[in-house]
Structures are given as structure tokens and as C-alpha cells.
Amino acid sequence: MLAVQSPNFEVIFVDNGSTDGSVERIRTTFAASSKLRITETGSNLGASGGRNLGAKMARGDYLAFLDSDTEVDSQWLVEALDLMQECPSVGVVQCKLLLMSDRSRLDYVGDFLSQFGFLVQRRPLGYLDDKSTQKTAIVFGVKSAGMIIKKEIFQKVGMFDEDFFIYMEETDLCWRVWLTGFQVAYAPLSVVYHDFGGLQKLISPRTKFLAKYHGTKNYIMTILKDSGGYTMVKIAPIHVASWLAIMLWHFGRRRPVEGIWILRGMTYNLRNFGRIWRKRIETQRTVRRVSDGTILPAIMKKVSPVYLYRKMTDEGSGWKL
């Protein structure tokens, strides 16, 4: 099983509709383990649905989420839990995600929210793991390939929103955690290695579709659901206009199919506006305990439009657009 220096844990393996024989290999390899439980969804429920299913089965006070293409350091769990116990205000921990292909370089160490409604990574993909990533830090959002959350908080904010399917589901979750008054923190000694893949994997047709359609759809939906009234009025028009510009950029580069995926992501929010607005009302009434005036100084980092343009036009930069 996992090389974890903590005897008190369980492993729930959720097979999310795979067709590569994963379940059989896991059953054969770990047949003697008493810590492992396996559940099969029967079809692909998306990242949100698969994680929610595993969380419902969990019996512990903390939920640790890992992707199937990760390996963990032996102190991974201990370090994350130590941080949460030392800092009761921290409800979610982002592990240090390092690239499995080059363990001296970063996959992800948390992000902030920009004034345009897009995420700003603290350090870019492939950045050398140096002194700047060795300190604990407060962040806005996490990547659920390696994250830990208090189960009580996870249930309180409503788990992952399964309408997201994939992309931004953890951002939406973290925003709701911030609304409760809890914080999100990066734990540099909680190390997880992620086989994030090279450029070819990032720009594969399937990945491009998921990133463009679900990325557009879920970015807009997150702002509509989680931001306060004034923040939404201030950010949403700029954010939607940015997606329109991104769509036109793709058409201008003779990539109409990708532009159409982005358009579909935007129109999803129009077609489902009533349901999204009901979710917003529920979030603002039952989850929010802290005003945006308190939250935004801690989670927002202002960037220039040039930064966004470079990120958009650089394949493999993190948006995969």
C-alpha cells in the first residue's frame, strides 16, 4: 500500500469507469491488505463524482485526495495533518506536487485569484523547486491531485459540485471553504509526485476539449456561484469578455473547433442559469460566513492583461488552451 508513516489511515480506490484493467491489477497486487476498499462506478462520473463517492465511503476525520498517476512521500500525510492541527483555521492543505519525470521541478504549489477571475499559479509548471517553495503559505485554491481537507468542512460546504465534471471543481470547493471562514494553505513538506505528462499529453485532442469546454464552463460557473454581489458585478463582465476574446483568438488562428468548444462552455451557463443561480443562493445563504472584503485581500493577486495573454497563447502553460 502507500508508503505512509501513519498507521491510522484507509485507502479507498474509486474506479471511475476505467477500461484498462486497473481494478484487477489493484485487487491482485493488494489482495492481502486490510486497509484497501475498492468501489466501481460503472461509468465515468468525472473527477467530482468519483471523489464524492470515495468521500462518502470514508470513515476518518480527514479526506486526502490523490490522482491515480501520483506517488507519495512517506511523510506526505503526517506533514499535512500536522499543519492542520497546528493551525485550526486551515481547512484545506495543498501538497507540494512535483513532476514525477523530474522530481526537482514543480507541478503545482497552489494559486491565487486574479482581478479578471482567472487563476494565477504561485509558480509555473516546470519551475525549479527552490527556496521560494520551501515555506508554508496561504493560497486561494488547490489541485486535487494531492490535497487534504477536514471531512466536517467538506460536508459542510457541499462536497465537490458534480456539474463541474472536471476542471475547477477544487477551486469551487476551496472558494466555498474560504466563505466559511476557514483558510487554504500550502504545506511544503507534504510531497506528492505527479505524472502530469509532457507537452504532447497536454495538447492532445481529448485534453484540449476537456480544458476548453469544461474550463470555460466551470470558470464562469464558479464566479456566478461563489463571489459576493459586488465582486460578481465587478469581475463577471470582464471575465466573460476575456473568454470571448480567447474564442475569437482561436478562430483567428484557424482553430474553429476549439473556438466552438469555448462558445459551448459559455452558453452552458446561459442554458443552465436558473440552476446555477439557485446554487448561488444556497451558497450565499448557507455557506458564507465571511465577506469578500475580508477574503479578497488574502486570495487575490493582481496581474497585467499581458500575463493573461501569454498564458493563453502558450501551449502547456497551465490552461492548455
C-alpha atoms as a PDB file:
ATOM      1  CA  MET A   1       0.000   0.000   0.000  1.00  0.00           C
ATOM      2  CA  LEU A   2       1.007   3.649   0.308  1.00  0.00           C
ATOM      3  CA  ALA A   3       4.330   4.351   1.991  1.00  0.00           C
ATOM      4  CA  VAL A   4       2.812   6.470   4.744  1.00  0.00           C
ATOM      5  CA  GLN A   5       4.296   6.978   8.211  1.00  0.00           C
ATOM      6  CA  SER A   6       0.919   6.813   9.925  1.00  0.00           C
ATOM      7  CA  PRO A   7      -0.858   3.602  10.927  1.00  0.00           C
ATOM      8  CA  ASN A   8      -4.302   5.169  11.150  1.00  0.00           C
ATOM      9  CA  PHE A   9      -5.494   5.520   7.572  1.00  0.00           C
ATOM     10  CA  GLU A  10      -7.603   3.748   4.991  1.00  0.00           C
ATOM     11  CA  VAL A  11      -7.365   3.699   1.207  1.00  0.00           C
ATOM     12  CA  ILE A  12     -10.480   3.905  -0.920  1.00  0.00           C
ATOM     13  CA  PHE A  13      -9.812   3.128  -4.566  1.00  0.00           C
ATOM     14  CA  VAL A  14     -12.528   4.504  -6.819  1.00  0.00           C
ATOM     15  CA  ASP A  15     -12.536   3.015 -10.298  1.00  0.00           C
ATOM     16  CA  ASN A  16     -14.251   5.707 -12.338  1.00  0.00           C
ATOM     17  CA  GLY A  17     -15.344   3.650 -15.312  1.00  0.00           C
ATOM     18  CA  SER A  18     -11.853   2.580 -16.437  1.00  0.00           C
ATOM     19  CA  THR A  19     -11.334   0.026 -19.208  1.00  0.00           C
ATOM     20  CA  ASP A  20      -7.614  -0.690 -18.774  1.00  0.00           C
ATOM     21  CA  GLY A  21      -7.762  -3.498 -16.213  1.00  0.00           C
ATOM     22  CA  SER A  22      -6.867  -1.221 -13.284  1.00  0.00           C
ATOM     23  CA  VAL A  23      -9.268  -2.837 -10.824  1.00  0.00           C
ATOM     24  CA  GLU A  24      -7.982  -6.340 -11.492  1.00  0.00           C
ATOM     25  CA  ARG A  25      -4.370  -5.263 -11.040  1.00  0.00           C
ATOM     26  CA  ILE A  26      -5.159  -3.472  -7.776  1.00  0.00           C
ATOM     27  CA  ARG A  27      -7.074  -6.448  -6.422  1.00  0.00           C
ATOM     28  CA  THR A  28      -4.263  -8.823  -7.330  1.00  0.00           C
ATOM     29  CA  THR A  29      -1.416  -6.634  -6.069  1.00  0.00           C
ATOM     30  CA  PHE A  30      -3.016  -5.661  -2.748  1.00  0.00           C
ATOM     31  CA  ALA A  31      -5.165  -8.713  -2.062  1.00  0.00           C
ATOM     32  CA  ALA A  32      -3.743  -9.102   1.444  1.00  0.00           C
ATOM     33  CA  SER A  33      -4.224  -5.502   2.540  1.00  0.00           C
ATOM     34  CA  SER A  34      -6.856  -4.784   5.170  1.00  0.00           C
ATOM     35  CA  LYS A  35      -6.624  -1.015   4.547  1.00  0.00           C
ATOM     36  CA  LEU A  36      -7.918  -1.078   0.982  1.00  0.00           C
ATOM     37  CA  ARG A  37     -11.523  -0.799  -0.136  1.00  0.00           C
ATOM     38  CA  ILE A  38     -12.455  -0.779  -3.815  1.00  0.00           C
ATOM     39  CA  THR A  39     -15.581   0.636  -5.397  1.00  0.00           C
ATOM     40  CA  GLU A  40     -16.521   0.754  -9.075  1.00  0.00           C
ATOM     41  CA  THR A  41     -18.743   3.463 -10.550  1.00  0.00           C
ATOM     42  CA  GLY A  42     -19.616   1.543 -13.703  1.00  0.00           C
ATOM     43  CA  SER A  43     -19.251   4.704 -15.780  1.00  0.00           C
ATOM     44  CA  ASN A  44     -17.147   7.861 -15.749  1.00  0.00           C
ATOM     45  CA  LEU A  45     -18.695  10.210 -13.182  1.00  0.00           C
ATOM     46  CA  GLY A  46     -15.981  12.791 -13.728  1.00  0.00           C
ATOM     47  CA  ALA A  47     -13.407  13.895 -11.199  1.00  0.00           C
ATOM     48  CA  SER A  48     -16.073  15.460  -8.976  1.00  0.00           C
ATOM     49  CA  GLY A  49     -18.399  12.458  -8.923  1.00  0.00           C
ATOM     50  CA  GLY A  50     -15.626   9.923  -8.371  1.00  0.00           C
ATOM     51  CA  ARG A  51     -14.127  11.832  -5.464  1.00  0.00           C
ATOM     52  CA  ASN A  52     -17.503  12.413  -3.852  1.00  0.00           C
ATOM     53  CA  LEU A  53     -18.249   8.697  -3.986  1.00  0.00           C
ATOM     54  CA  GLY A  54     -14.977   7.879  -2.241  1.00  0.00           C
ATOM     55  CA  ALA A  55     -15.547  10.625   0.350  1.00  0.00           C
ATOM     56  CA  LYS A  56     -18.963   9.209   1.244  1.00  0.00           C
ATOM     57  CA  MET A  57     -17.332   5.852   1.997  1.00  0.00           C
ATOM     58  CA  ALA A  58     -14.561   7.330   4.151  1.00  0.00           C
ATOM     59  CA  ARG A  59     -14.725   6.806   7.919  1.00  0.00           C
ATOM     60  CA  GLY A  60     -11.985   9.203   9.063  1.00  0.00           C
ATOM     61  CA  ASP A  61     -11.960  12.850  10.136  1.00  0.00           C
ATOM     62  CA  TYR A  62      -9.802  13.906   7.174  1.00  0.00           C
ATOM     63  CA  LEU A  63     -10.088  13.248   3.458  1.00  0.00           C
ATOM     64  CA  ALA A  64      -6.927  13.008   1.365  1.00  0.00           C
ATOM     65  CA  PHE A  65      -7.412  13.031  -2.409  1.00  0.00           C
ATOM     66  CA  LEU A  66      -4.854  11.627  -4.844  1.00  0.00           C
ATOM     67  CA  ASP A  67      -4.988  11.022  -8.574  1.00  0.00           C
ATOM     68  CA  SER A  68      -4.152   7.613  -9.997  1.00  0.00           C
ATOM     69  CA  ASP A  69      -0.927   8.967 -11.555  1.00  0.00           C
ATOM     70  CA  THR A  70       0.650  10.041  -8.255  1.00  0.00           C
ATOM     71  CA  GLU A  71       3.192   8.686  -5.776  1.00  0.00           C
ATOM     72  CA  VAL A  72       3.591   9.971  -2.236  1.00  0.00           C
ATOM     73  CA  ASP A  73       6.499  10.726   0.047  1.00  0.00           C
ATOM     74  CA  SER A  74       6.442   8.719   3.291  1.00  0.00           C
ATOM     75  CA  GLN A  75       5.773  11.901   5.317  1.00  0.00           C
ATOM     76  CA  TRP A  76       3.124  13.186   2.939  1.00  0.00           C
ATOM     77  CA  LEU A  77       0.134  12.611   5.179  1.00  0.00           C
ATOM     78  CA  VAL A  78       1.811  13.344   8.513  1.00  0.00           C
ATOM     79  CA  GLU A  79       3.092  16.745   7.383  1.00  0.00           C
ATOM     80  CA  ALA A  80      -0.296  17.824   6.058  1.00  0.00           C
ATOM     81  CA  LEU A  81      -2.140  16.741   9.192  1.00  0.00           C
ATOM     82  CA  ASP A  82       0.444  18.383  11.440  1.00  0.00           C
ATOM     83  CA  LEU A  83      -0.150  21.706   9.687  1.00  0.00           C
ATOM     84  CA  MET A  84      -3.907  21.425  10.048  1.00  0.00           C
ATOM     85  CA  GLN A  85      -3.645  20.530  13.721  1.00  0.00           C
ATOM     86  CA  GLU A  86      -1.174  23.320  14.464  1.00  0.00           C
ATOM     87  CA  CYS A  87      -3.330  25.862  12.588  1.00  0.00           C
ATOM     88  CA  PRO A  88      -7.024  25.200  13.347  1.00  0.00           C
ATOM     89  CA  SER A  89      -8.059  27.914  10.872  1.00  0.00           C
ATOM     90  CA  VAL A  90      -6.693  25.824   7.974  1.00  0.00           C
ATOM     91  CA  GLY A  91      -9.406  23.638   6.495  1.00  0.00           C
ATOM     92  CA  VAL A  92      -7.638  22.516   3.298  1.00  0.00           C
ATOM     93  CA  VAL A  93      -3.994  21.707   2.563  1.00  0.00           C
ATOM     94  CA  GLN A  94      -2.291  21.716  -0.825  1.00  0.00           C
ATOM     95  CA  CYS A  95       0.571  19.247  -1.043  1.00  0.00           C
ATOM     96  CA  LYS A  96       3.739  20.152  -2.896  1.00  0.00           C
ATOM     97  CA  LEU A  97       3.186  18.497  -6.275  1.00  0.00           C
ATOM     98  CA  LEU A  98       6.451  17.665  -8.017  1.00  0.00           C
ATOM     99  CA  LEU A  99       6.791  16.282 -11.523  1.00  0.00           C
ATOM    100  CA  MET A 100       7.399  12.552 -11.486  1.00  0.00           C
ATOM    101  CA  SER A 101       9.501  12.869 -14.640  1.00  0.00           C
ATOM    102  CA  ASP A 102      11.841  15.377 -12.930  1.00  0.00           C
ATOM    103  CA  ARG A 103      11.453  15.464  -9.165  1.00  0.00           C
ATOM    104  CA  SER A 104      13.419  18.669  -8.850  1.00  0.00           C
ATOM    105  CA  ARG A 105      10.686  20.596 -10.671  1.00  0.00           C
ATOM    106  CA  LEU A 106       7.199  21.679  -9.710  1.00  0.00           C
ATOM    107  CA  ASP A 107       3.859  20.629 -10.992  1.00  0.00           C
ATOM    108  CA  TYR A 108       1.815  22.821  -8.650  1.00  0.00           C
ATOM    109  CA  VAL A 109       2.042  24.641  -5.300  1.00  0.00           C
ATOM    110  CA  GLY A 110      -1.274  26.496  -5.095  1.00  0.00           C
ATOM    111  CA  ASP A 111      -2.741  29.523  -6.823  1.00  0.00           C
ATOM    112  CA  PHE A 112      -4.425  32.879  -6.308  1.00  0.00           C
ATOM    113  CA  LEU A 113      -7.415  34.580  -7.913  1.00  0.00           C
ATOM    114  CA  SER A 114      -6.749  37.435 -10.330  1.00  0.00           C
ATOM    115  CA  GLN A 115      -8.868  40.564 -10.710  1.00  0.00           C
ATOM    116  CA  PHE A 116     -10.053  39.099 -14.036  1.00  0.00           C
ATOM    117  CA  GLY A 117     -11.452  35.959 -12.379  1.00  0.00           C
ATOM    118  CA  PHE A 118      -8.712  33.658 -13.713  1.00  0.00           C
ATOM    119  CA  LEU A 119      -6.312  31.687 -11.554  1.00  0.00           C
ATOM    120  CA  VAL A 120      -2.702  32.760 -11.113  1.00  0.00           C
ATOM    121  CA  GLN A 121      -0.318  29.979 -10.148  1.00  0.00           C
ATOM    122  CA  ARG A 122       2.201  30.813  -7.432  1.00  0.00           C
ATOM    123  CA  ARG A 123       4.878  29.116  -9.543  1.00  0.00           C
ATOM    124  CA  PRO A 124       4.535  27.924 -13.149  1.00  0.00           C
ATOM    125  CA  LEU A 125       4.629  24.326 -14.288  1.00  0.00           C
ATOM    126  CA  GLY A 126       8.227  23.090 -14.517  1.00  0.00           C
ATOM    127  CA  TYR A 127       9.614  25.759 -12.168  1.00  0.00           C
ATOM    128  CA  LEU A 128      12.648  24.575 -10.191  1.00  0.00           C
ATOM    129  CA  ASP A 129      11.812  23.587  -6.608  1.00  0.00           C
ATOM    130  CA  ASP A 130      13.931  26.198  -4.839  1.00  0.00           C
ATOM    131  CA  LYS A 131      13.876  28.168  -1.575  1.00  0.00           C
ATOM    132  CA  SER A 132      10.803  30.119  -2.657  1.00  0.00           C
ATOM    133  CA  THR A 133       8.643  26.994  -2.342  1.00  0.00           C
ATOM    134  CA  GLN A 134      10.004  25.773   0.996  1.00  0.00           C
ATOM    135  CA  LYS A 135       7.751  27.854   3.245  1.00  0.00           C
ATOM    136  CA  THR A 136       4.177  27.296   4.343  1.00  0.00           C
ATOM    137  CA  ALA A 137       1.855  29.765   2.621  1.00  0.00           C
ATOM    138  CA  ILE A 138      -1.789  30.778   2.462  1.00  0.00           C
ATOM    139  CA  VAL A 139      -3.240  30.166  -1.011  1.00  0.00           C
ATOM    140  CA  PHE A 140      -6.613  30.536  -2.683  1.00  0.00           C
ATOM    141  CA  GLY A 141      -7.017  27.186  -4.389  1.00  0.00           C
ATOM    142  CA  VAL A 142      -5.552  23.716  -4.701  1.00  0.00           C
ATOM    143  CA  LYS A 143      -5.117  20.929  -7.206  1.00  0.00           C
ATOM    144  CA  SER A 144      -6.943  17.811  -6.093  1.00  0.00           C
ATOM    145  CA  ALA A 145      -4.256  15.509  -7.437  1.00  0.00           C
ATOM    146  CA  GLY A 146      -2.797  15.989  -3.934  1.00  0.00           C
ATOM    147  CA  MET A 147      -4.924  17.701  -1.302  1.00  0.00           C
ATOM    148  CA  ILE A 148      -6.282  17.107   2.223  1.00  0.00           C
ATOM    149  CA  ILE A 149      -9.466  18.551   3.711  1.00  0.00           C
ATOM    150  CA  LYS A 150     -11.250  18.185   7.018  1.00  0.00           C
ATOM    151  CA  LYS A 151     -14.216  15.920   6.413  1.00  0.00           C
ATOM    152  CA  GLU A 152     -16.525  18.090   8.514  1.00  0.00           C
ATOM    153  CA  ILE A 153     -15.763  21.104   6.324  1.00  0.00           C
ATOM    154  CA  PHE A 154     -16.056  19.061   3.123  1.00  0.00           C
ATOM    155  CA  GLN A 155     -19.570  18.033   4.100  1.00  0.00           C
ATOM    156  CA  LYS A 156     -20.489  21.490   5.359  1.00  0.00           C
ATOM    157  CA  VAL A 157     -19.704  23.232   2.055  1.00  0.00           C
ATOM    158  CA  GLY A 158     -21.491  20.599  -0.015  1.00  0.00           C
ATOM    159  CA  MET A 159     -18.632  18.440  -1.368  1.00  0.00           C
ATOM    160  CA  PHE A 160     -17.473  18.749  -4.991  1.00  0.00           C
ATOM    161  CA  ASP A 161     -20.080  20.140  -7.376  1.00  0.00           C
ATOM    162  CA  GLU A 162     -20.728  17.281  -9.798  1.00  0.00           C
ATOM    163  CA  ASP A 163     -21.936  19.666 -12.503  1.00  0.00           C
ATOM    164  CA  PHE A 164     -18.279  20.614 -12.922  1.00  0.00           C
ATOM    165  CA  PHE A 165     -17.309  17.065 -14.013  1.00  0.00           C
ATOM    166  CA  ILE A 166     -13.624  18.009 -14.366  1.00  0.00           C
ATOM    167  CA  TYR A 167     -11.509  21.201 -14.039  1.00  0.00           C
ATOM    168  CA  MET A 168     -12.077  23.914 -11.441  1.00  0.00           C
ATOM    169  CA  GLU A 169     -14.055  21.602  -9.154  1.00  0.00           C
ATOM    170  CA  GLU A 170     -11.404  22.013  -6.462  1.00  0.00           C
ATOM    171  CA  THR A 171     -11.305  25.795  -6.993  1.00  0.00           C
ATOM    172  CA  ASP A 172     -15.056  25.985  -6.454  1.00  0.00           C
ATOM    173  CA  LEU A 173     -14.680  23.837  -3.336  1.00  0.00           C
ATOM    174  CA  CYS A 174     -11.863  25.988  -1.922  1.00  0.00           C
ATOM    175  CA  TRP A 175     -13.765  29.212  -2.575  1.00  0.00           C
ATOM    176  CA  ARG A 176     -16.655  27.826  -0.533  1.00  0.00           C
ATOM    177  CA  VAL A 177     -14.218  26.832   2.221  1.00  0.00           C
ATOM    178  CA  TRP A 178     -12.965  30.430   2.314  1.00  0.00           C
ATOM    179  CA  LEU A 179     -16.578  31.614   2.591  1.00  0.00           C
ATOM    180  CA  THR A 180     -16.975  29.620   5.817  1.00  0.00           C
ATOM    181  CA  GLY A 181     -14.068  31.483   7.427  1.00  0.00           C
ATOM    182  CA  PHE A 182     -11.525  28.669   7.092  1.00  0.00           C
ATOM    183  CA  GLN A 183      -8.307  29.070   5.116  1.00  0.00           C
ATOM    184  CA  VAL A 184      -6.434  27.073   2.485  1.00  0.00           C
ATOM    185  CA  ALA A 185      -2.695  26.509   2.971  1.00  0.00           C
ATOM    186  CA  TYR A 186       0.264  25.062   1.090  1.00  0.00           C
ATOM    187  CA  ALA A 187       2.383  22.527   3.024  1.00  0.00           C
ATOM    188  CA  PRO A 188       5.903  22.330   1.508  1.00  0.00           C
ATOM    189  CA  LEU A 189       6.887  19.154   3.382  1.00  0.00           C
ATOM    190  CA  SER A 190       3.829  17.218   2.231  1.00  0.00           C
ATOM    191  CA  VAL A 191       5.263  15.957  -1.059  1.00  0.00           C
ATOM    192  CA  VAL A 192       3.395  14.154  -3.830  1.00  0.00           C
ATOM    193  CA  TYR A 193       4.906  13.201  -7.199  1.00  0.00           C
ATOM    194  CA  HIS A 194       2.581  13.671 -10.158  1.00  0.00           C
ATOM    195  CA  ASP A 195       2.966  12.110 -13.608  1.00  0.00           C
ATOM    196  CA  PHE A 196       1.488  15.198 -15.210  1.00  0.00           C
ATOM    197  CA  GLY A 197       2.858  14.342 -18.625  1.00  0.00           C
ATOM    198  CA  GLY A 198       4.679  16.288 -21.309  1.00  0.00           C
ATOM    199  CA  LEU A 199       3.507  18.791 -23.862  1.00  0.00           C
ATOM    200  CA  GLN A 200       2.046  16.168 -26.180  1.00  0.00           C
ATOM    201  CA  LYS A 201      -0.239  14.898 -23.427  1.00  0.00           C
ATOM    202  CA  LEU A 202      -1.283  18.430 -22.527  1.00  0.00           C
ATOM    203  CA  ILE A 203      -2.281  19.313 -26.095  1.00  0.00           C
ATOM    204  CA  SER A 204      -3.937  16.013 -27.056  1.00  0.00           C
ATOM    205  CA  PRO A 205      -7.371  16.434 -28.673  1.00  0.00           C
ATOM    206  CA  ARG A 206      -9.163  14.932 -25.656  1.00  0.00           C
ATOM    207  CA  THR A 207      -7.328  17.166 -23.178  1.00  0.00           C
ATOM    208  CA  LYS A 208      -7.954  20.213 -25.359  1.00  0.00           C
ATOM    209  CA  PHE A 209     -11.689  19.528 -25.433  1.00  0.00           C
ATOM    210  CA  LEU A 210     -11.902  18.986 -21.665  1.00  0.00           C
ATOM    211  CA  ALA A 211      -9.861  22.109 -20.915  1.00  0.00           C
ATOM    212  CA  LYS A 212     -11.685  24.389 -23.320  1.00  0.00           C
ATOM    213  CA  TYR A 213     -15.254  23.279 -22.792  1.00  0.00           C
ATOM    214  CA  HIS A 214     -15.214  22.395 -19.094  1.00  0.00           C
ATOM    215  CA  GLY A 215     -12.600  25.032 -18.297  1.00  0.00           C
ATOM    216  CA  THR A 216     -14.724  27.819 -19.791  1.00  0.00           C
ATOM    217  CA  LYS A 217     -17.964  26.451 -18.361  1.00  0.00           C
ATOM    218  CA  ASN A 218     -16.593  25.957 -14.870  1.00  0.00           C
ATOM    219  CA  TYR A 219     -14.620  29.181 -14.576  1.00  0.00           C
ATOM    220  CA  ILE A 220     -17.775  31.205 -15.267  1.00  0.00           C
ATOM    221  CA  MET A 221     -19.934  28.989 -13.068  1.00  0.00           C
ATOM    222  CA  THR A 222     -17.516  29.353 -10.140  1.00  0.00           C
ATOM    223  CA  ILE A 223     -17.716  33.148 -10.263  1.00  0.00           C
ATOM    224  CA  LEU A 224     -21.510  33.088 -10.549  1.00  0.00           C
ATOM    225  CA  LYS A 225     -21.852  30.737  -7.582  1.00  0.00           C
ATOM    226  CA  ASP A 226     -19.232  31.865  -5.108  1.00  0.00           C
ATOM    227  CA  SER A 227     -18.437  35.555  -5.479  1.00  0.00           C
ATOM    228  CA  GLY A 228     -20.270  38.214  -3.483  1.00  0.00           C
ATOM    229  CA  GLY A 229     -22.716  40.502  -5.279  1.00  0.00           C
ATOM    230  CA  TYR A 230     -20.354  43.439  -5.760  1.00  0.00           C
ATOM    231  CA  THR A 231     -17.449  41.141  -6.680  1.00  0.00           C
ATOM    232  CA  MET A 232     -19.558  39.324  -9.258  1.00  0.00           C
ATOM    233  CA  VAL A 233     -20.724  42.557 -10.894  1.00  0.00           C
ATOM    234  CA  LYS A 234     -17.119  43.764 -10.979  1.00  0.00           C
ATOM    235  CA  ILE A 235     -15.441  40.576 -12.243  1.00  0.00           C
ATOM    236  CA  ALA A 236     -18.001  38.612 -14.280  1.00  0.00           C
ATOM    237  CA  PRO A 237     -18.307  41.033 -17.263  1.00  0.00           C
ATOM    238  CA  ILE A 238     -14.519  41.259 -17.643  1.00  0.00           C
ATOM    239  CA  HIS A 239     -14.206  37.503 -17.261  1.00  0.00           C
ATOM    240  CA  VAL A 240     -16.817  36.673 -19.888  1.00  0.00           C
ATOM    241  CA  ALA A 241     -15.349  39.278 -22.241  1.00  0.00           C
ATOM    242  CA  SER A 242     -11.965  37.584 -21.810  1.00  0.00           C
ATOM    243  CA  TRP A 243     -13.430  34.234 -22.847  1.00  0.00           C
ATOM    244  CA  LEU A 244     -14.977  35.892 -25.906  1.00  0.00           C
ATOM    245  CA  ALA A 245     -11.537  37.251 -26.788  1.00  0.00           C
ATOM    246  CA  ILE A 246      -9.996  33.809 -26.285  1.00  0.00           C
ATOM    247  CA  MET A 247     -12.665  32.307 -28.543  1.00  0.00           C
ATOM    248  CA  LEU A 248     -12.002  34.889 -31.269  1.00  0.00           C
ATOM    249  CA  TRP A 249      -8.265  34.289 -30.928  1.00  0.00           C
ATOM    250  CA  HIS A 250      -8.846  30.619 -31.760  1.00  0.00           C
ATOM    251  CA  PHE A 251     -10.992  31.480 -34.749  1.00  0.00           C
ATOM    252  CA  GLY A 252      -8.326  33.935 -35.886  1.00  0.00           C
ATOM    253  CA  ARG A 253      -5.712  31.168 -35.686  1.00  0.00           C
ATOM    254  CA  ARG A 254      -7.939  28.934 -37.850  1.00  0.00           C
ATOM    255  CA  ARG A 255      -8.837  26.689 -34.930  1.00  0.00           C
ATOM    256  CA  PRO A 256     -12.632  26.951 -35.190  1.00  0.00           C
ATOM    257  CA  VAL A 257     -13.417  23.662 -33.445  1.00  0.00           C
ATOM    258  CA  GLU A 258     -11.623  24.824 -30.313  1.00  0.00           C
ATOM    259  CA  GLY A 259     -13.354  28.191 -30.518  1.00  0.00           C
ATOM    260  CA  ILE A 260     -16.701  26.409 -30.687  1.00  0.00           C
ATOM    261  CA  TRP A 261     -15.838  24.380 -27.566  1.00  0.00           C
ATOM    262  CA  ILE A 262     -15.233  27.645 -25.705  1.00  0.00           C
ATOM    263  CA  LEU A 263     -18.507  29.072 -27.015  1.00  0.00           C
ATOM    264  CA  ARG A 264     -20.313  25.944 -25.802  1.00  0.00           C
ATOM    265  CA  GLY A 265     -18.760  26.408 -22.380  1.00  0.00           C
ATOM    266  CA  MET A 266     -20.074  29.961 -22.193  1.00  0.00           C
ATOM    267  CA  THR A 267     -23.567  29.107 -23.451  1.00  0.00           C
ATOM    268  CA  TYR A 268     -23.821  26.268 -20.908  1.00  0.00           C
ATOM    269  CA  ASN A 269     -24.108  28.927 -18.209  1.00  0.00           C
ATOM    270  CA  LEU A 270     -26.870  30.682 -20.130  1.00  0.00           C
ATOM    271  CA  ARG A 271     -28.823  27.476 -20.711  1.00  0.00           C
ATOM    272  CA  ASN A 272     -28.482  26.434 -17.071  1.00  0.00           C
ATOM    273  CA  PHE A 273     -28.592  29.866 -15.480  1.00  0.00           C
ATOM    274  CA  GLY A 274     -31.618  29.090 -13.308  1.00  0.00           C
ATOM    275  CA  ARG A 275     -29.993  26.060 -11.694  1.00  0.00           C
ATOM    276  CA  ILE A 276     -26.675  27.864 -11.239  1.00  0.00           C
ATOM    277  CA  TRP A 277     -28.437  30.839  -9.644  1.00  0.00           C
ATOM    278  CA  ARG A 278     -30.238  28.529  -7.206  1.00  0.00           C
ATOM    279  CA  LYS A 279     -26.849  27.098  -6.258  1.00  0.00           C
ATOM    280  CA  ARG A 280     -25.576  30.622  -5.769  1.00  0.00           C
ATOM    281  CA  ILE A 281     -28.441  31.454  -3.422  1.00  0.00           C
ATOM    282  CA  GLU A 282     -27.795  28.273  -1.443  1.00  0.00           C
ATOM    283  CA  THR A 283     -24.060  29.018  -1.204  1.00  0.00           C
ATOM    284  CA  GLN A 284     -24.507  32.631  -0.175  1.00  0.00           C
ATOM    285  CA  ARG A 285     -27.192  31.819   2.410  1.00  0.00           C
ATOM    286  CA  THR A 286     -25.915  28.624   3.997  1.00  0.00           C
ATOM    287  CA  VAL A 287     -22.144  28.561   3.409  1.00  0.00           C
ATOM    288  CA  ARG A 288     -20.966  32.178   3.515  1.00  0.00           C
ATOM    289  CA  ARG A 289     -19.901  33.458   6.920  1.00  0.00           C
ATOM    290  CA  VAL A 290     -17.216  35.923   5.794  1.00  0.00           C
ATOM    291  CA  SER A 291     -17.472  38.928   3.476  1.00  0.00           C
ATOM    292  CA  ASP A 292     -15.452  39.334   0.286  1.00  0.00           C
ATOM    293  CA  GLY A 293     -13.882  42.394   1.879  1.00  0.00           C
ATOM    294  CA  THR A 294     -12.206  40.055   4.360  1.00  0.00           C
ATOM    295  CA  ILE A 295     -11.387  37.252   1.924  1.00  0.00           C
ATOM    296  CA  LEU A 296     -10.136  39.005  -1.220  1.00  0.00           C
ATOM    297  CA  PRO A 297      -7.008  40.632   0.279  1.00  0.00           C
ATOM    298  CA  ALA A 298      -5.775  37.144   1.183  1.00  0.00           C
ATOM    299  CA  ILE A 299      -6.671  35.324  -2.030  1.00  0.00           C
ATOM    300  CA  MET A 300      -6.349  37.856  -4.866  1.00  0.00           C
ATOM    301  CA  LYS A 301      -3.225  38.694  -6.829  1.00  0.00           C
ATOM    302  CA  LYS A 302      -3.455  41.375  -9.488  1.00  0.00           C
ATOM    303  CA  VAL A 303      -1.793  40.672 -12.829  1.00  0.00           C
ATOM    304  CA  SER A 304      -1.484  42.534 -16.096  1.00  0.00           C
ATOM    305  CA  PRO A 305      -3.545  41.670 -19.202  1.00  0.00           C
ATOM    306  CA  VAL A 306      -0.223  40.763 -20.841  1.00  0.00           C
ATOM    307  CA  TYR A 307       0.209  37.954 -18.311  1.00  0.00           C
ATOM    308  CA  LEU A 308      -3.175  36.526 -19.266  1.00  0.00           C
ATOM    309  CA  TYR A 309      -2.441  36.796 -22.992  1.00  0.00           C
ATOM    310  CA  ARG A 310       0.885  34.997 -22.642  1.00  0.00           C
ATOM    311  CA  LYS A 311      -0.717  32.276 -20.557  1.00  0.00           C
ATOM    312  CA  MET A 312      -3.500  31.860 -23.090  1.00  0.00           C
ATOM    313  CA  THR A 313      -1.231  31.604 -26.117  1.00  0.00           C
ATOM    314  CA  ASP A 314       1.467  29.384 -24.584  1.00  0.00           C
ATOM    315  CA  GLU A 315       0.533  25.715 -25.030  1.00  0.00           C
ATOM    316  CA  GLY A 316       1.147  23.693 -21.888  1.00  0.00           C
ATOM    317  CA  SER A 317       1.236  26.773 -19.702  1.00  0.00           C
ATOM    318  CA  GLY A 318      -1.432  25.527 -17.351  1.00  0.00           C
ATOM    319  CA  TRP A 319      -4.606  26.480 -19.217  1.00  0.00           C
ATOM    320  CA  LYS A 320      -3.850  24.066 -22.052  1.00  0.00           C
ATOM    321  CA  LEU A 321      -5.693  26.335 -24.450  1.00  0.00           C
END
